[in-house]
Each structure stands twice: as C-alpha cells, then as structure tokens.
Amino acid sequence: MRKVFNFALGLFFGGLIGAAAALLLAPQPGEEIVRTIRERLQAIVDEARHAAAERRAELEAQFIAARQVKMEK
C-alpha cells in the first residue's frame, strides 16, 4: 500500500513539475496559455455536464419504464 501511495505522490509531483516546465518553456506568452487552458477546461466541463444530463435522461426513462412494468404485474 505504501508503494502505491509513494508512486501516486511521485506521479503528482512529476506532473506538477512537468506542467511548470511546459509553461516556462512554451513559445506562447503566459496569459495566452492560461486563456487557452481555461477555454479547454471549460469545454471539458461543458461536455461532461452534457454527457451527465444525457445519461440522467436515459436512466430516468429506464426507471419510468421499469416502474410501469412493475405496476402492470
């Protein structure tokens, strides 16, 4: 268990250091990179919300159908 924790911790800090190096060595200005990251993150959040809403609608339809079948018995 300790090995897994140490690996996860190393992975986290490695990613953090890699992200910082990427920001410092990127050919774009920092403000532009931050804006691009925010736009991409917002797109991901919007897509996740859309997917969750679709899945919720599917599950509600299945629930209603199952309830109707149960009531018919």
PDB file of N, CA and C in Angstrom:
ATOM      1  N   MET A   1       0.830  -1.189   0.000  1.00  0.00           N
ATOM      2  CA  MET A   1       0.000   0.000   0.000  1.00  0.00           C
ATOM      3  C   MET A   1       0.877   1.257   0.000  1.00  0.00           C
ATOM      4  N   ARG A   2       1.958   1.202   0.739  1.00  0.00           N
ATOM      5  CA  ARG A   2       2.853   2.349   0.827  1.00  0.00           C
ATOM      6  C   ARG A   2       3.512   2.627  -0.520  1.00  0.00           C
ATOM      7  N   LYS A   3       3.818   1.562  -1.259  1.00  0.00           N
ATOM      8  CA  LYS A   3       4.439   1.728  -2.577  1.00  0.00           C
ATOM      9  C   LYS A   3       3.495   2.443  -3.532  1.00  0.00           C
ATOM     10  N   VAL A   4       2.226   2.096  -3.464  1.00  0.00           N
ATOM     11  CA  VAL A   4       1.223   2.727  -4.329  1.00  0.00           C
ATOM     12  C   VAL A   4       1.106   4.206  -3.991  1.00  0.00           C
ATOM     13  N   PHE A   5       1.087   4.511  -2.699  1.00  0.00           N
ATOM     14  CA  PHE A   5       0.996   5.904  -2.267  1.00  0.00           C
ATOM     15  C   PHE A   5       2.210   6.699  -2.737  1.00  0.00           C
ATOM     16  N   ASN A   6       3.391   6.118  -2.554  1.00  0.00           N
ATOM     17  CA  ASN A   6       4.618   6.799  -2.988  1.00  0.00           C
ATOM     18  C   ASN A   6       4.625   7.006  -4.493  1.00  0.00           C
ATOM     19  N   PHE A   7       4.148   6.007  -5.234  1.00  0.00           N
ATOM     20  CA  PHE A   7       4.087   6.148  -6.685  1.00  0.00           C
ATOM     21  C   PHE A   7       3.124   7.260  -7.083  1.00  0.00           C
ATOM     22  N   ALA A   8       1.935   7.274  -6.478  1.00  0.00           N
ATOM     23  CA  ALA A   8       0.944   8.305  -6.780  1.00  0.00           C
ATOM     24  C   ALA A   8       1.478   9.695  -6.432  1.00  0.00           C
ATOM     25  N   LEU A   9       2.158   9.789  -5.311  1.00  0.00           N
ATOM     26  CA  LEU A   9       2.725  11.067  -4.894  1.00  0.00           C
ATOM     27  C   LEU A   9       3.792  11.523  -5.888  1.00  0.00           C
ATOM     28  N   GLY A  10       4.660  10.604  -6.303  1.00  0.00           N
ATOM     29  CA  GLY A  10       5.683  10.923  -7.297  1.00  0.00           C
ATOM     30  C   GLY A  10       5.078  11.312  -8.631  1.00  0.00           C
ATOM     31  N   LEU A  11       4.005  10.616  -9.004  1.00  0.00           N
ATOM     32  CA  LEU A  11       3.318  10.940 -10.252  1.00  0.00           C
ATOM     33  C   LEU A  11       2.723  12.344 -10.201  1.00  0.00           C
ATOM     34  N   PHE A  12       2.124  12.680  -9.069  1.00  0.00           N
ATOM     35  CA  PHE A  12       1.530  14.006  -8.903  1.00  0.00           C
ATOM     36  C   PHE A  12       2.581  15.106  -9.001  1.00  0.00           C
ATOM     37  N   PHE A  13       3.657  14.950  -8.233  1.00  0.00           N
ATOM     38  CA  PHE A  13       4.691  15.985  -8.244  1.00  0.00           C
ATOM     39  C   PHE A  13       5.423  16.034  -9.583  1.00  0.00           C
ATOM     40  N   GLY A  14       5.595  14.901 -10.224  1.00  0.00           N
ATOM     41  CA  GLY A  14       6.205  14.876 -11.548  1.00  0.00           C
ATOM     42  C   GLY A  14       5.351  15.626 -12.564  1.00  0.00           C
ATOM     43  N   GLY A  15       4.044  15.418 -12.477  1.00  0.00           N
ATOM     44  CA  GLY A  15       3.131  16.145 -13.358  1.00  0.00           C
ATOM     45  C   GLY A  15       3.150  17.634 -13.085  1.00  0.00           C
ATOM     46  N   LEU A  16       3.202  17.983 -11.825  1.00  0.00           N
ATOM     47  CA  LEU A  16       3.255  19.390 -11.441  1.00  0.00           C
ATOM     48  C   LEU A  16       4.525  20.059 -11.965  1.00  0.00           C
ATOM     49  N   ILE A  17       5.642  19.400 -11.803  1.00  0.00           N
ATOM     50  CA  ILE A  17       6.919  19.942 -12.289  1.00  0.00           C
ATOM     51  C   ILE A  17       6.911  20.006 -13.816  1.00  0.00           C
ATOM     52  N   GLY A  18       6.374  18.973 -14.457  1.00  0.00           N
ATOM     53  CA  GLY A  18       6.285  18.973 -15.920  1.00  0.00           C
ATOM     54  C   GLY A  18       5.408  20.100 -16.436  1.00  0.00           C
ATOM     55  N   ALA A  19       4.290  20.336 -15.763  1.00  0.00           N
ATOM     56  CA  ALA A  19       3.403  21.422 -16.175  1.00  0.00           C
ATOM     57  C   ALA A  19       4.078  22.780 -16.008  1.00  0.00           C
ATOM     58  N   ALA A  20       4.793  22.950 -14.917  1.00  0.00           N
ATOM     59  CA  ALA A  20       5.501  24.214 -14.697  1.00  0.00           C
ATOM     60  C   ALA A  20       6.577  24.419 -15.757  1.00  0.00           C
ATOM     61  N   ALA A  21       7.320  23.357 -16.085  1.00  0.00           N
ATOM     62  CA  ALA A  21       8.352  23.463 -17.120  1.00  0.00           C
ATOM     63  C   ALA A  21       7.734  23.780 -18.471  1.00  0.00           C
ATOM     64  N   ALA A  22       6.599  23.172 -18.754  1.00  0.00           N
ATOM     65  CA  ALA A  22       5.928  23.428 -20.033  1.00  0.00           C
ATOM     66  C   ALA A  22       5.491  24.889 -20.131  1.00  0.00           C
ATOM     67  N   LEU A  23       4.975  25.433 -19.043  1.00  0.00           N
ATOM     68  CA  LEU A  23       4.557  26.837 -19.049  1.00  0.00           C
ATOM     69  C   LEU A  23       5.748  27.776 -19.231  1.00  0.00           C
ATOM     70  N   LEU A  24       6.860  27.441 -18.593  1.00  0.00           N
ATOM     71  CA  LEU A  24       8.039  28.305 -18.686  1.00  0.00           C
ATOM     72  C   LEU A  24       8.723  28.221 -20.049  1.00  0.00           C
ATOM     73  N   LEU A  25       8.656  27.070 -20.688  1.00  0.00           N
ATOM     74  CA  LEU A  25       9.357  26.874 -21.951  1.00  0.00           C
ATOM     75  C   LEU A  25       8.455  27.008 -23.176  1.00  0.00           C
ATOM     76  N   ALA A  26       7.195  27.297 -22.970  1.00  0.00           N
ATOM     77  CA  ALA A  26       6.252  27.397 -24.082  1.00  0.00           C
ATOM     78  C   ALA A  26       6.539  28.620 -24.935  1.00  0.00           C
ATOM     79  N   PRO A  27       6.306  28.499 -26.253  1.00  0.00           N
ATOM     80  CA  PRO A  27       6.568  29.630 -27.140  1.00  0.00           C
ATOM     81  C   PRO A  27       5.516  30.744 -27.048  1.00  0.00           C
ATOM     82  N   GLN A  28       4.400  30.477 -26.406  1.00  0.00           N
ATOM     83  CA  GLN A  28       3.343  31.480 -26.278  1.00  0.00           C
ATOM     84  C   GLN A  28       3.521  32.257 -24.985  1.00  0.00           C
ATOM     85  N   PRO A  29       2.988  33.476 -24.950  1.00  0.00           N
ATOM     86  CA  PRO A  29       3.018  34.235 -23.690  1.00  0.00           C
ATOM     87  C   PRO A  29       2.173  33.547 -22.622  1.00  0.00           C
ATOM     88  N   GLY A  30       2.505  33.760 -21.372  1.00  0.00           N
ATOM     89  CA  GLY A  30       1.813  33.117 -20.265  1.00  0.00           C
ATOM     90  C   GLY A  30       0.326  33.382 -20.232  1.00  0.00           C
ATOM     91  N   GLU A  31      -0.085  34.624 -20.486  1.00  0.00           N
ATOM     92  CA  GLU A  31      -1.503  34.962 -20.456  1.00  0.00           C
ATOM     93  C   GLU A  31      -2.273  34.196 -21.514  1.00  0.00           C
ATOM     94  N   GLU A  32      -1.670  34.034 -22.671  1.00  0.00           N
ATOM     95  CA  GLU A  32      -2.329  33.302 -23.759  1.00  0.00           C
ATOM     96  C   GLU A  32      -2.474  31.818 -23.401  1.00  0.00           C
ATOM     97  N   ILE A  33      -1.448  31.270 -22.776  1.00  0.00           N
ATOM     98  CA  ILE A  33      -1.504  29.868 -22.359  1.00  0.00           C
ATOM     99  C   ILE A  33      -2.588  29.666 -21.313  1.00  0.00           C
ATOM    100  N   VAL A  34      -2.658  30.573 -20.361  1.00  0.00           N
ATOM    101  CA  VAL A  34      -3.671  30.481 -19.311  1.00  0.00           C
ATOM    102  C   VAL A  34      -5.065  30.561 -19.927  1.00  0.00           C
ATOM    103  N   ARG A  35      -5.257  31.460 -20.874  1.00  0.00           N
ATOM    104  CA  ARG A  35      -6.556  31.596 -21.542  1.00  0.00           C
ATOM    105  C   ARG A  35      -6.909  30.315 -22.289  1.00  0.00           C
ATOM    106  N   THR A  36      -5.934  29.752 -22.992  1.00  0.00           N
ATOM    107  CA  THR A  36      -6.159  28.520 -23.743  1.00  0.00           C
ATOM    108  C   THR A  36      -6.524  27.373 -22.803  1.00  0.00           C
ATOM    109  N   ILE A  37      -5.816  27.274 -21.689  1.00  0.00           N
ATOM    110  CA  ILE A  37      -6.109  26.222 -20.709  1.00  0.00           C
ATOM    111  C   ILE A  37      -7.510  26.393 -20.147  1.00  0.00           C
ATOM    112  N   ARG A  38      -7.874  27.625 -19.820  1.00  0.00           N
ATOM    113  CA  ARG A  38      -9.226  27.881 -19.290  1.00  0.00           C
ATOM    114  C   ARG A  38     -10.292  27.513 -20.309  1.00  0.00           C
ATOM    115  N   GLU A  39     -10.070  27.855 -21.577  1.00  0.00           N
ATOM    116  CA  GLU A  39     -11.043  27.526 -22.616  1.00  0.00           C
ATOM    117  C   GLU A  39     -11.189  26.017 -22.774  1.00  0.00           C
ATOM    118  N   ARG A  40     -10.072  25.310 -22.775  1.00  0.00           N
ATOM    119  CA  ARG A  40     -10.127  23.852 -22.904  1.00  0.00           C
ATOM    120  C   ARG A  40     -10.795  23.220 -21.692  1.00  0.00           C
ATOM    121  N   LEU A  41     -10.466  23.716 -20.512  1.00  0.00           N
ATOM    122  CA  LEU A  41     -11.077  23.195 -19.300  1.00  0.00           C
ATOM    123  C   LEU A  41     -12.577  23.451 -19.305  1.00  0.00           C
ATOM    124  N   GLN A  42     -12.990  24.628 -19.730  1.00  0.00           N
ATOM    125  CA  GLN A  42     -14.415  24.940 -19.792  1.00  0.00           C
ATOM    126  C   GLN A  42     -15.119  24.036 -20.796  1.00  0.00           C
ATOM    127  N   ALA A  43     -14.482  23.751 -21.927  1.00  0.00           N
ATOM    128  CA  ALA A  43     -15.055  22.846 -22.925  1.00  0.00           C
ATOM    129  C   ALA A  43     -15.227  21.445 -22.343  1.00  0.00           C
ATOM    130  N   ILE A  44     -14.244  20.996 -21.574  1.00  0.00           N
ATOM    131  CA  ILE A  44     -14.333  19.673 -20.950  1.00  0.00           C
ATOM    132  C   ILE A  44     -15.465  19.634 -19.932  1.00  0.00           C
ATOM    133  N   VAL A  45     -15.579  20.690 -19.133  1.00  0.00           N
ATOM    134  CA  VAL A  45     -16.646  20.758 -18.125  1.00  0.00           C
ATOM    135  C   VAL A  45     -18.009  20.774 -18.811  1.00  0.00           C
ATOM    136  N   ASP A  46     -18.148  21.563 -19.870  1.00  0.00           N
ATOM    137  CA  ASP A  46     -19.415  21.622 -20.592  1.00  0.00           C
ATOM    138  C   ASP A  46     -19.775  20.264 -21.194  1.00  0.00           C
ATOM    139  N   GLU A  47     -18.787  19.598 -21.759  1.00  0.00           N
ATOM    140  CA  GLU A  47     -19.018  18.277 -22.345  1.00  0.00           C
ATOM    141  C   GLU A  47     -19.423  17.269 -21.276  1.00  0.00           C
ATOM    142  N   ALA A  48     -18.783  17.329 -20.123  1.00  0.00           N
ATOM    143  CA  ALA A  48     -19.123  16.420 -19.029  1.00  0.00           C
ATOM    144  C   ALA A  48     -20.541  16.686 -18.527  1.00  0.00           C
ATOM    145  N   ARG A  49     -20.912  17.932 -18.413  1.00  0.00           N
ATOM    146  CA  ARG A  49     -22.281  18.258 -17.979  1.00  0.00           C
ATOM    147  C   ARG A  49     -23.308  17.764 -18.990  1.00  0.00           C
ATOM    148  N   HIS A  50     -23.000  17.933 -20.260  1.00  0.00           N
ATOM    149  CA  HIS A  50     -23.904  17.472 -21.313  1.00  0.00           C
ATOM    150  C   HIS A  50     -24.046  15.953 -21.262  1.00  0.00           C
ATOM    151  N   ALA A  51     -22.931  15.242 -21.114  1.00  0.00           N
ATOM    152  CA  ALA A  51     -22.965  13.785 -21.040  1.00  0.00           C
ATOM    153  C   ALA A  51     -23.729  13.320 -19.805  1.00  0.00           C
ATOM    154  N   ALA A  52     -23.551  14.010 -18.684  1.00  0.00           N
ATOM    155  CA  ALA A  52     -24.263  13.647 -17.456  1.00  0.00           C
ATOM    156  C   ALA A  52     -25.762  13.872 -17.613  1.00  0.00           C
ATOM    157  N   ALA A  53     -26.139  14.951 -18.266  1.00  0.00           N
ATOM    158  CA  ALA A  53     -27.563  15.228 -18.483  1.00  0.00           C
ATOM    159  C   ALA A  53     -28.180  14.168 -19.396  1.00  0.00           C
ATOM    160  N   GLU A  54     -27.457  13.773 -20.436  1.00  0.00           N
ATOM    161  CA  GLU A  54     -27.961  12.726 -21.334  1.00  0.00           C
ATOM    162  C   GLU A  54     -28.126  11.407 -20.587  1.00  0.00           C
ATOM    163  N   ARG A  55     -27.128  11.052 -19.787  1.00  0.00           N
ATOM    164  CA  ARG A  55     -27.190   9.793 -19.037  1.00  0.00           C
ATOM    165  C   ARG A  55     -28.313   9.830 -18.018  1.00  0.00           C
ATOM    166  N   ARG A  56     -28.511  10.982 -17.397  1.00  0.00           N
ATOM    167  CA  ARG A  56     -29.595  11.107 -16.424  1.00  0.00           C
ATOM    168  C   ARG A  56     -30.947  10.910 -17.102  1.00  0.00           C
ATOM    169  N   ALA A  57     -31.110  11.501 -18.287  1.00  0.00           N
ATOM    170  CA  ALA A  57     -32.362  11.339 -19.024  1.00  0.00           C
ATOM    171  C   ALA A  57     -32.590   9.864 -19.388  1.00  0.00           C
ATOM    172  N   GLU A  58     -31.533   9.172 -19.796  1.00  0.00           N
ATOM    173  CA  GLU A  58     -31.656   7.748 -20.108  1.00  0.00           C
ATOM    174  C   GLU A  58     -32.069   6.948 -18.882  1.00  0.00           C
ATOM    175  N   LEU A  59     -31.427   7.221 -17.757  1.00  0.00           N
ATOM    176  CA  LEU A  59     -31.744   6.482 -16.533  1.00  0.00           C
ATOM    177  C   LEU A  59     -33.162   6.775 -16.047  1.00  0.00           C
ATOM    178  N   GLU A  60     -33.601   8.013 -16.173  1.00  0.00           N
ATOM    179  CA  GLU A  60     -34.971   8.351 -15.772  1.00  0.00           C
ATOM    180  C   GLU A  60     -35.976   7.621 -16.653  1.00  0.00           C
ATOM    181  N   ALA A  61     -35.706   7.540 -17.954  1.00  0.00           N
ATOM    182  CA  ALA A  61     -36.598   6.821 -18.863  1.00  0.00           C
ATOM    183  C   ALA A  61     -36.633   5.337 -18.506  1.00  0.00           C
ATOM    184  N   GLN A  62     -35.493   4.754 -18.185  1.00  0.00           N
ATOM    185  CA  GLN A  62     -35.445   3.348 -17.791  1.00  0.00           C
ATOM    186  C   GLN A  62     -36.187   3.125 -16.474  1.00  0.00           C
ATOM    187  N   PHE A  63     -36.057   4.065 -15.558  1.00  0.00           N
ATOM    188  CA  PHE A  63     -36.736   3.955 -14.272  1.00  0.00           C
ATOM    189  C   PHE A  63     -38.246   3.994 -14.464  1.00  0.00           C
ATOM    190  N   ILE A  64     -38.708   4.912 -15.286  1.00  0.00           N
ATOM    191  CA  ILE A  64     -40.146   5.026 -15.546  1.00  0.00           C
ATOM    192  C   ILE A  64     -40.656   3.757 -16.210  1.00  0.00           C
ATOM    193  N   ALA A  65     -39.917   3.236 -17.175  1.00  0.00           N
ATOM    194  CA  ALA A  65     -40.328   2.008 -17.855  1.00  0.00           C
ATOM    195  C   ALA A  65     -40.370   0.838 -16.878  1.00  0.00           C
ATOM    196  N   ALA A  66     -39.397   0.738 -15.999  1.00  0.00           N
ATOM    197  CA  ALA A  66     -39.372  -0.354 -15.026  1.00  0.00           C
ATOM    198  C   ALA A  66     -40.524  -0.226 -14.035  1.00  0.00           C
ATOM    199  N   ARG A  67     -40.838   0.969 -13.647  1.00  0.00           N
ATOM    200  CA  ARG A  67     -41.944   1.178 -12.712  1.00  0.00           C
ATOM    201  C   ARG A  67     -43.274   0.799 -13.366  1.00  0.00           C
ATOM    202  N   GLN A  68     -43.414   1.124 -14.650  1.00  0.00           N
ATOM    203  CA  GLN A  68     -44.658   0.761 -15.341  1.00  0.00           C
ATOM    204  C   GLN A  68     -44.804  -0.753 -15.465  1.00  0.00           C
ATOM    205  N   VAL A  69     -43.719  -1.433 -15.732  1.00  0.00           N
ATOM    206  CA  VAL A  69     -43.759  -2.893 -15.828  1.00  0.00           C
ATOM    207  C   VAL A  69     -44.147  -3.489 -14.477  1.00  0.00           C
ATOM    208  N   LYS A  70     -43.594  -2.942 -13.400  1.00  0.00           N
ATOM    209  CA  LYS A  70     -43.896  -3.448 -12.064  1.00  0.00           C
ATOM    210  C   LYS A  70     -45.366  -3.212 -11.723  1.00  0.00           C
ATOM    211  N   MET A  71     -45.916  -2.080 -12.120  1.00  0.00           N
ATOM    212  CA  MET A  71     -47.303  -1.749 -11.802  1.00  0.00           C
ATOM    213  C   MET A  71     -48.267  -2.619 -12.605  1.00  0.00           C
ATOM    214  N   GLU A  72     -47.844  -3.067 -13.778  1.00  0.00           N
ATOM    215  CA  GLU A  72     -48.709  -3.916 -14.613  1.00  0.00           C
ATOM    216  C   GLU A  72     -48.850  -5.313 -14.039  1.00  0.00           C
ATOM    217  N   LYS A  73     -47.893  -5.735 -13.235  1.00  0.00           N
ATOM    218  CA  LYS A  73     -47.927  -7.097 -12.686  1.00  0.00           C
ATOM    219  C   LYS A  73     -48.914  -7.233 -11.586  1.00  0.00           C
TER     220      LYS A  73
END
